[in-house]
């Protein structure tokens, strides 16, 4: 599907919500969309690695990292695993690392920025629970549309 988020807002303003977070884009795909899967975690990426090691089937993993800038939740190994397993993209309310390597991966990645510091690997957090940030609730099974202009959430596929 070729889309532009501004056009989706114009056509579906009654159903879409726009995330107010000003994300940076990483990865080769500047536009990506799919059904939402979620993880809520704080400076710990073990659940992210576990989740993206399973088939993504075109889904987008939305990670609520609490907006923390202190350690990266995704780097080239986890993003590469997500690409290999068919995930359309990752939206991270937190930071990444290995930004140069991420630019070569055919996957969409939105994050707040980068930090070379590794995160914990304890497995703390929750998978497939509603998460909220940027004025939007991300509910597993809803749809997300990301491009150069922003992130939209819809309760259904548009």
N, C-alpha and C. Protein backbone atom coordinates (compact mmCIF):
# COMPACT_ATOMS: atom_id res chain seq x y z
N UNK A 1 0.85 -1.19 0.00
CA UNK A 1 0.00 0.00 0.00
C UNK A 1 0.88 1.24 0.00
N UNK A 2 0.66 2.09 -0.95
CA UNK A 2 1.36 3.37 -0.98
C UNK A 2 0.45 4.40 -0.33
N UNK A 3 0.94 5.07 0.69
CA UNK A 3 0.10 6.01 1.43
C UNK A 3 0.93 7.21 1.87
N UNK A 4 0.24 8.27 2.22
CA UNK A 4 0.82 9.46 2.82
C UNK A 4 -0.06 9.76 4.04
N UNK A 5 0.56 9.94 5.20
CA UNK A 5 -0.25 10.13 6.41
C UNK A 5 -1.15 11.36 6.31
N UNK A 6 -0.67 12.42 5.65
CA UNK A 6 -1.51 13.61 5.51
C UNK A 6 -2.79 13.29 4.74
N UNK A 7 -2.67 12.48 3.70
CA UNK A 7 -3.86 12.08 2.93
C UNK A 7 -4.78 11.19 3.77
N UNK A 8 -4.19 10.33 4.59
CA UNK A 8 -5.02 9.48 5.47
C UNK A 8 -5.79 10.33 6.47
N UNK A 9 -5.16 11.37 7.00
CA UNK A 9 -5.86 12.28 7.92
C UNK A 9 -7.01 12.96 7.19
N UNK A 10 -6.75 13.45 5.98
CA UNK A 10 -7.80 14.13 5.22
C UNK A 10 -8.99 13.21 4.93
N UNK A 11 -8.70 11.95 4.62
CA UNK A 11 -9.76 11.02 4.25
C UNK A 11 -10.43 10.32 5.44
N UNK A 12 -9.70 10.23 6.56
CA UNK A 12 -10.21 9.44 7.69
C UNK A 12 -10.08 10.16 9.02
N UNK A 13 -10.23 11.46 9.01
CA UNK A 13 -10.06 12.26 10.24
C UNK A 13 -10.96 11.79 11.37
N UNK A 14 -12.09 11.20 11.04
CA UNK A 14 -13.03 10.75 12.06
C UNK A 14 -12.56 9.48 12.80
N UNK A 15 -11.55 8.76 12.26
CA UNK A 15 -11.11 7.53 12.92
C UNK A 15 -9.63 7.51 13.31
N UNK A 16 -8.78 8.29 12.65
CA UNK A 16 -7.35 8.22 12.96
C UNK A 16 -6.97 9.20 14.05
N UNK A 17 -5.90 8.83 14.78
CA UNK A 17 -5.30 9.71 15.80
C UNK A 17 -3.84 9.88 15.43
N UNK A 18 -3.32 11.05 15.66
CA UNK A 18 -1.93 11.35 15.35
C UNK A 18 -1.10 11.40 16.63
N UNK A 19 -0.01 10.64 16.64
CA UNK A 19 0.91 10.65 17.79
C UNK A 19 1.70 11.95 17.75
N UNK A 20 1.75 12.65 18.87
CA UNK A 20 2.39 13.96 18.94
C UNK A 20 3.90 13.90 19.17
N UNK A 21 4.44 12.72 19.36
CA UNK A 21 5.89 12.58 19.58
C UNK A 21 6.62 12.87 18.27
N UNK A 22 7.67 13.65 18.35
CA UNK A 22 8.48 13.99 17.17
C UNK A 22 9.61 12.98 17.03
N UNK A 23 9.29 11.85 16.40
CA UNK A 23 10.26 10.77 16.22
C UNK A 23 11.27 11.09 15.13
N UNK A 24 12.42 10.45 15.21
CA UNK A 24 13.40 10.42 14.14
C UNK A 24 13.24 9.08 13.43
N UNK A 25 13.57 9.05 12.15
CA UNK A 25 13.46 7.81 11.36
C UNK A 25 14.81 7.14 11.19
N UNK A 26 14.80 5.83 11.33
CA UNK A 26 15.98 5.00 11.12
C UNK A 26 15.53 3.84 10.24
N UNK A 27 16.45 3.11 9.68
CA UNK A 27 16.07 2.01 8.79
C UNK A 27 15.80 2.54 7.39
N UNK A 28 15.79 1.63 6.41
CA UNK A 28 15.59 2.03 5.00
C UNK A 28 14.16 2.45 4.69
N UNK A 29 13.20 1.88 5.38
CA UNK A 29 11.79 2.18 5.07
C UNK A 29 11.35 3.44 5.80
N UNK A 30 11.05 4.48 5.04
CA UNK A 30 10.53 5.69 5.68
C UNK A 30 9.02 5.61 5.85
N UNK A 31 8.39 4.73 5.07
CA UNK A 31 6.94 4.51 5.18
C UNK A 31 6.69 3.04 5.49
N UNK A 32 5.90 2.81 6.53
CA UNK A 32 5.55 1.44 6.88
C UNK A 32 4.25 1.45 7.66
N UNK A 33 3.57 0.33 7.63
CA UNK A 33 2.29 0.21 8.32
C UNK A 33 2.02 -1.25 8.63
N UNK A 34 1.06 -1.47 9.51
CA UNK A 34 0.65 -2.83 9.82
C UNK A 34 -0.14 -2.88 11.11
N UNK A 35 -0.59 -4.08 11.46
CA UNK A 35 -1.29 -4.23 12.73
C UNK A 35 -0.30 -4.02 13.88
N UNK A 36 -0.81 -3.50 14.97
CA UNK A 36 0.02 -3.16 16.12
C UNK A 36 0.20 -4.35 17.05
N UNK A 37 1.45 -4.55 17.46
CA UNK A 37 1.81 -5.38 18.61
C UNK A 37 2.51 -4.43 19.58
N UNK A 38 2.49 -4.71 20.86
CA UNK A 38 3.08 -3.77 21.83
C UNK A 38 3.96 -4.46 22.86
N UNK A 39 4.87 -3.67 23.38
CA UNK A 39 5.68 -4.05 24.54
C UNK A 39 5.82 -2.82 25.42
N UNK A 40 5.67 -3.01 26.71
CA UNK A 40 5.93 -1.95 27.68
C UNK A 40 7.12 -2.42 28.51
N UNK A 41 8.21 -1.65 28.48
CA UNK A 41 9.41 -2.03 29.21
C UNK A 41 10.20 -0.78 29.56
N UNK A 42 11.04 -0.89 30.57
CA UNK A 42 11.85 0.25 31.02
C UNK A 42 13.32 -0.13 30.99
N UNK A 43 14.05 0.40 30.02
CA UNK A 43 15.49 0.16 29.91
C UNK A 43 15.87 -1.31 29.93
N UNK A 44 15.01 -2.15 29.34
CA UNK A 44 15.23 -3.59 29.29
C UNK A 44 14.68 -4.09 27.96
N UNK A 45 15.55 -4.68 27.13
CA UNK A 45 15.08 -5.08 25.79
C UNK A 45 14.91 -6.58 25.59
N UNK A 46 14.95 -7.38 26.65
CA UNK A 46 14.83 -8.82 26.49
C UNK A 46 13.50 -9.23 25.85
N UNK A 47 12.39 -8.60 26.25
CA UNK A 47 11.10 -8.94 25.65
C UNK A 47 11.01 -8.51 24.20
N UNK A 48 11.70 -7.43 23.84
CA UNK A 48 11.73 -6.98 22.45
C UNK A 48 12.43 -8.05 21.60
N UNK A 49 13.59 -8.48 22.05
CA UNK A 49 14.34 -9.51 21.32
C UNK A 49 13.52 -10.79 21.19
N UNK A 50 12.89 -11.19 22.27
CA UNK A 50 12.06 -12.40 22.26
C UNK A 50 10.91 -12.27 21.26
N UNK A 51 10.27 -11.11 21.23
CA UNK A 51 9.10 -10.91 20.36
C UNK A 51 9.49 -10.86 18.89
N UNK A 52 10.54 -10.10 18.55
CA UNK A 52 10.91 -9.99 17.13
C UNK A 52 11.59 -11.24 16.60
N UNK A 53 11.92 -12.19 17.48
CA UNK A 53 12.46 -13.46 17.01
C UNK A 53 11.36 -14.40 16.55
N UNK A 54 10.11 -13.96 16.67
CA UNK A 54 8.96 -14.73 16.18
C UNK A 54 8.45 -14.09 14.88
N UNK A 55 7.68 -14.81 14.08
CA UNK A 55 7.19 -14.23 12.83
C UNK A 55 6.37 -12.95 13.06
N UNK A 56 6.73 -11.90 12.33
CA UNK A 56 6.04 -10.62 12.47
C UNK A 56 4.81 -10.51 11.61
N UNK A 57 4.78 -11.24 10.50
CA UNK A 57 3.63 -11.22 9.59
C UNK A 57 3.20 -9.81 9.21
N UNK A 58 4.17 -8.91 9.01
CA UNK A 58 3.86 -7.54 8.59
C UNK A 58 3.40 -6.62 9.69
N UNK A 59 3.50 -7.03 10.94
CA UNK A 59 3.07 -6.19 12.06
C UNK A 59 4.13 -5.14 12.39
N UNK A 60 3.70 -4.14 13.15
CA UNK A 60 4.60 -3.10 13.65
C UNK A 60 4.63 -3.22 15.17
N UNK A 61 5.84 -3.33 15.71
CA UNK A 61 6.00 -3.43 17.15
C UNK A 61 6.15 -2.04 17.73
N UNK A 62 5.21 -1.67 18.61
CA UNK A 62 5.23 -0.38 19.29
C UNK A 62 5.77 -0.64 20.70
N UNK A 63 6.88 0.03 21.03
CA UNK A 63 7.55 -0.18 22.30
C UNK A 63 7.42 1.06 23.17
N UNK A 64 6.78 0.91 24.31
CA UNK A 64 6.67 1.99 25.29
C UNK A 64 7.84 1.85 26.25
N UNK A 65 8.90 2.59 25.95
CA UNK A 65 10.08 2.60 26.80
C UNK A 65 10.06 3.76 27.77
N UNK A 66 8.90 4.36 27.96
CA UNK A 66 8.77 5.46 28.90
C UNK A 66 9.46 6.74 28.48
N UNK A 67 9.89 6.80 27.21
CA UNK A 67 10.57 7.99 26.74
C UNK A 67 11.99 8.11 27.26
N UNK A 68 12.53 7.03 27.82
CA UNK A 68 13.88 7.06 28.39
C UNK A 68 14.93 7.23 27.31
N UNK A 69 15.90 8.08 27.59
CA UNK A 69 17.02 8.30 26.70
C UNK A 69 18.30 7.67 27.24
N UNK A 70 18.21 6.93 28.35
CA UNK A 70 19.41 6.46 29.05
C UNK A 70 20.05 5.20 28.47
N UNK A 71 19.28 4.35 27.79
CA UNK A 71 19.87 3.16 27.18
C UNK A 71 19.03 2.73 25.98
N UNK A 72 19.72 2.18 24.99
CA UNK A 72 19.06 1.78 23.74
C UNK A 72 18.22 0.53 23.92
N UNK A 73 17.01 0.56 23.39
CA UNK A 73 16.14 -0.61 23.42
C UNK A 73 16.32 -1.49 22.19
N UNK A 74 16.82 -0.91 21.09
CA UNK A 74 17.01 -1.65 19.84
C UNK A 74 18.34 -1.24 19.22
N UNK A 75 19.07 -2.24 18.74
CA UNK A 75 20.28 -2.01 17.97
C UNK A 75 20.22 -2.82 16.69
N UNK A 76 21.35 -2.95 16.02
CA UNK A 76 21.36 -3.62 14.73
C UNK A 76 21.00 -5.10 14.82
N UNK A 77 21.35 -5.78 15.90
CA UNK A 77 21.04 -7.21 16.00
C UNK A 77 19.54 -7.45 16.14
N UNK A 78 18.90 -6.71 17.03
CA UNK A 78 17.45 -6.88 17.23
C UNK A 78 16.68 -6.40 16.00
N UNK A 79 17.06 -5.27 15.43
CA UNK A 79 16.38 -4.77 14.23
C UNK A 79 16.58 -5.73 13.05
N UNK A 80 17.78 -6.30 12.94
CA UNK A 80 18.04 -7.27 11.87
C UNK A 80 17.19 -8.52 12.04
N UNK A 81 16.99 -8.95 13.28
CA UNK A 81 16.13 -10.09 13.57
C UNK A 81 14.68 -9.76 13.18
N UNK A 82 14.24 -8.54 13.50
CA UNK A 82 12.88 -8.12 13.14
C UNK A 82 12.69 -8.13 11.63
N UNK A 83 13.67 -7.60 10.90
CA UNK A 83 13.59 -7.59 9.43
C UNK A 83 13.51 -9.02 8.90
N UNK A 84 14.40 -9.88 9.37
CA UNK A 84 14.45 -11.27 8.91
C UNK A 84 13.14 -12.00 9.18
N UNK A 85 12.46 -11.66 10.27
CA UNK A 85 11.24 -12.37 10.65
C UNK A 85 9.95 -11.70 10.17
N UNK A 86 10.07 -10.74 9.25
CA UNK A 86 8.88 -10.20 8.60
C UNK A 86 8.12 -9.12 9.34
N UNK A 87 8.78 -8.41 10.24
CA UNK A 87 8.15 -7.26 10.89
C UNK A 87 8.24 -6.07 9.95
N UNK A 88 7.16 -5.30 9.83
CA UNK A 88 7.18 -4.12 8.95
C UNK A 88 7.97 -2.98 9.57
N UNK A 89 7.94 -2.87 10.91
CA UNK A 89 8.65 -1.78 11.53
C UNK A 89 8.58 -1.81 13.04
N UNK A 90 9.31 -0.86 13.62
CA UNK A 90 9.38 -0.68 15.06
C UNK A 90 9.16 0.79 15.37
N UNK A 91 8.31 1.08 16.34
CA UNK A 91 8.12 2.44 16.83
C UNK A 91 8.50 2.42 18.31
N UNK A 92 9.55 3.15 18.64
CA UNK A 92 10.13 3.04 19.98
C UNK A 92 10.08 4.38 20.70
N UNK A 93 9.31 4.42 21.77
CA UNK A 93 9.29 5.61 22.63
C UNK A 93 10.45 5.46 23.60
N UNK A 94 11.61 5.65 23.02
CA UNK A 94 12.89 5.46 23.68
C UNK A 94 13.95 5.64 22.61
N UNK A 95 15.14 5.09 22.85
CA UNK A 95 16.24 5.29 21.90
C UNK A 95 16.78 3.99 21.34
N UNK A 96 17.51 4.13 20.22
CA UNK A 96 18.17 3.02 19.54
C UNK A 96 19.68 3.21 19.65
N UNK A 97 20.42 2.26 19.11
CA UNK A 97 21.86 2.41 18.92
C UNK A 97 22.22 1.79 17.57
N UNK A 98 23.45 1.92 17.16
CA UNK A 98 23.90 1.38 15.87
C UNK A 98 23.17 2.05 14.71
N UNK A 99 22.98 3.36 14.78
CA UNK A 99 22.17 4.07 13.78
C UNK A 99 22.70 3.93 12.37
N UNK A 100 24.00 3.87 12.17
CA UNK A 100 24.56 3.71 10.83
C UNK A 100 24.18 2.34 10.26
N UNK A 101 24.31 1.30 11.07
CA UNK A 101 23.94 -0.04 10.62
C UNK A 101 22.43 -0.15 10.38
N UNK A 102 21.62 0.51 11.18
CA UNK A 102 20.16 0.46 11.00
C UNK A 102 19.75 1.04 9.65
N UNK A 103 20.52 2.02 9.17
CA UNK A 103 20.19 2.66 7.88
C UNK A 103 20.24 1.68 6.72
N UNK A 104 20.94 0.56 6.88
CA UNK A 104 21.05 -0.44 5.82
C UNK A 104 20.00 -1.55 5.90
N UNK A 105 19.17 -1.52 6.92
CA UNK A 105 18.16 -2.57 7.10
C UNK A 105 16.84 -2.18 6.47
N UNK A 106 16.24 -3.13 5.74
CA UNK A 106 14.96 -2.88 5.07
C UNK A 106 13.80 -3.07 6.05
N UNK A 107 13.70 -2.13 6.96
CA UNK A 107 12.65 -2.12 7.96
C UNK A 107 12.43 -0.67 8.37
N UNK A 108 11.23 -0.34 8.80
CA UNK A 108 10.96 1.00 9.30
C UNK A 108 11.25 1.07 10.79
N UNK A 109 11.91 2.15 11.21
CA UNK A 109 12.20 2.32 12.64
C UNK A 109 12.00 3.78 12.99
N UNK A 110 11.17 4.03 13.98
CA UNK A 110 10.99 5.37 14.54
C UNK A 110 11.44 5.30 16.00
N UNK A 111 12.21 6.29 16.43
CA UNK A 111 12.68 6.36 17.81
C UNK A 111 12.97 7.80 18.16
N UNK A 112 13.17 8.07 19.44
CA UNK A 112 13.43 9.43 19.90
C UNK A 112 14.84 9.91 19.55
N UNK A 113 15.77 9.00 19.42
CA UNK A 113 17.15 9.34 19.14
C UNK A 113 18.02 8.13 19.37
N UNK A 114 19.31 8.36 19.63
CA UNK A 114 20.22 7.24 19.82
C UNK A 114 21.08 7.45 21.07
N UNK A 115 21.53 6.33 21.61
CA UNK A 115 22.44 6.32 22.75
C UNK A 115 23.18 4.98 22.67
N UNK A 116 24.51 4.99 22.70
CA UNK A 116 25.25 3.74 22.55
C UNK A 116 25.15 2.79 23.75
N UNK A 117 24.59 3.24 24.86
CA UNK A 117 24.53 2.43 26.07
C UNK A 117 23.56 1.26 25.91
N UNK A 118 23.98 0.05 26.31
CA UNK A 118 23.12 -1.14 26.26
C UNK A 118 22.05 -1.08 27.34
N UNK A 119 20.91 -1.71 27.06
CA UNK A 119 19.86 -1.81 28.07
C UNK A 119 20.03 -3.11 28.86
N UNK A 120 19.24 -3.23 29.91
CA UNK A 120 19.23 -4.45 30.72
C UNK A 120 18.61 -5.59 29.91
N UNK A 121 18.80 -6.80 30.39
CA UNK A 121 18.30 -8.00 29.72
C UNK A 121 17.57 -8.91 30.72
N UNK A 122 16.80 -8.30 31.61
CA UNK A 122 16.13 -9.06 32.67
C UNK A 122 14.78 -9.64 32.26
N UNK A 123 14.20 -9.15 31.17
CA UNK A 123 12.89 -9.63 30.74
C UNK A 123 11.74 -8.96 31.44
N UNK A 124 12.00 -7.83 32.10
CA UNK A 124 10.92 -7.11 32.79
C UNK A 124 10.06 -6.37 31.78
N UNK A 125 8.76 -6.39 31.99
CA UNK A 125 7.84 -5.66 31.13
C UNK A 125 6.61 -6.47 30.80
N UNK A 126 5.83 -5.95 29.84
CA UNK A 126 4.57 -6.59 29.44
C UNK A 126 4.47 -6.60 27.92
N UNK A 127 3.87 -7.65 27.39
CA UNK A 127 3.70 -7.81 25.95
C UNK A 127 2.21 -7.78 25.61
N UNK A 128 1.89 -7.11 24.49
CA UNK A 128 0.53 -7.04 23.95
C UNK A 128 -0.48 -6.49 24.95
N UNK A 129 -0.10 -5.38 25.58
CA UNK A 129 -1.01 -4.62 26.43
C UNK A 129 -1.16 -3.23 25.82
N UNK A 130 -2.30 -2.56 26.00
CA UNK A 130 -2.42 -1.19 25.49
C UNK A 130 -1.35 -0.29 26.12
N UNK A 131 -0.72 0.53 25.31
CA UNK A 131 0.26 1.51 25.79
C UNK A 131 -0.13 2.88 25.26
N UNK A 132 0.26 3.91 25.98
CA UNK A 132 -0.10 5.28 25.58
C UNK A 132 1.10 6.20 25.68
N UNK A 133 1.29 7.00 24.64
CA UNK A 133 2.25 8.10 24.64
C UNK A 133 1.93 9.00 23.46
N UNK A 134 2.34 10.24 23.56
CA UNK A 134 2.08 11.19 22.47
C UNK A 134 0.61 11.47 22.23
N UNK A 135 -0.21 11.30 23.26
CA UNK A 135 -1.63 11.57 23.12
C UNK A 135 -2.42 10.50 22.40
N UNK A 136 -1.83 9.31 22.23
CA UNK A 136 -2.48 8.23 21.49
C UNK A 136 -2.37 6.94 22.30
N UNK A 137 -3.44 6.13 22.26
CA UNK A 137 -3.37 4.80 22.83
C UNK A 137 -3.11 3.82 21.70
N UNK A 138 -2.11 2.97 21.88
CA UNK A 138 -1.74 1.94 20.91
C UNK A 138 -2.28 0.62 21.44
N UNK A 139 -3.30 0.10 20.78
CA UNK A 139 -3.97 -1.11 21.23
C UNK A 139 -3.58 -2.25 20.29
N UNK A 140 -3.09 -3.36 20.83
CA UNK A 140 -2.76 -4.49 19.96
C UNK A 140 -3.94 -4.85 19.06
N UNK A 141 -3.63 -5.03 17.76
CA UNK A 141 -4.66 -5.34 16.78
C UNK A 141 -5.16 -4.13 16.02
N UNK A 142 -4.97 -2.92 16.58
CA UNK A 142 -5.27 -1.70 15.81
C UNK A 142 -4.20 -1.56 14.75
N UNK A 143 -4.32 -0.56 13.88
CA UNK A 143 -3.36 -0.37 12.78
C UNK A 143 -2.58 0.91 12.97
N UNK A 144 -1.33 0.88 12.52
CA UNK A 144 -0.44 2.03 12.59
C UNK A 144 0.10 2.33 11.19
N UNK A 145 0.21 3.62 10.90
CA UNK A 145 0.72 4.11 9.62
C UNK A 145 1.80 5.13 9.92
N UNK A 146 3.01 4.91 9.43
CA UNK A 146 4.15 5.79 9.70
C UNK A 146 4.76 6.25 8.38
N UNK A 147 5.07 7.53 8.31
CA UNK A 147 5.83 8.05 7.17
C UNK A 147 6.68 9.22 7.64
N UNK A 148 7.19 9.99 6.69
CA UNK A 148 8.08 11.10 6.99
C UNK A 148 7.40 12.18 7.83
N UNK A 149 6.08 12.25 7.79
CA UNK A 149 5.35 13.30 8.51
C UNK A 149 4.85 12.89 9.88
N UNK A 150 4.83 11.60 10.17
CA UNK A 150 4.36 11.23 11.50
C UNK A 150 3.85 9.82 11.63
N UNK A 151 3.12 9.62 12.72
CA UNK A 151 2.59 8.31 13.11
C UNK A 151 1.10 8.45 13.36
N UNK A 152 0.31 7.65 12.65
CA UNK A 152 -1.14 7.63 12.82
C UNK A 152 -1.58 6.27 13.35
N UNK A 153 -2.64 6.27 14.14
CA UNK A 153 -3.23 5.05 14.65
C UNK A 153 -4.70 5.01 14.27
N UNK A 154 -5.13 3.85 13.80
CA UNK A 154 -6.52 3.64 13.40
C UNK A 154 -7.03 2.36 14.08
N UNK A 155 -8.28 2.33 14.51
CA UNK A 155 -8.81 1.11 15.11
C UNK A 155 -8.94 -0.03 14.11
N UNK A 156 -8.84 0.29 12.81
CA UNK A 156 -8.99 -0.74 11.77
C UNK A 156 -8.06 -0.42 10.61
N UNK A 157 -7.87 -1.39 9.75
CA UNK A 157 -7.06 -1.20 8.55
C UNK A 157 -7.77 -0.20 7.63
N UNK A 158 -7.03 0.76 7.11
CA UNK A 158 -7.61 1.78 6.21
C UNK A 158 -7.42 1.37 4.75
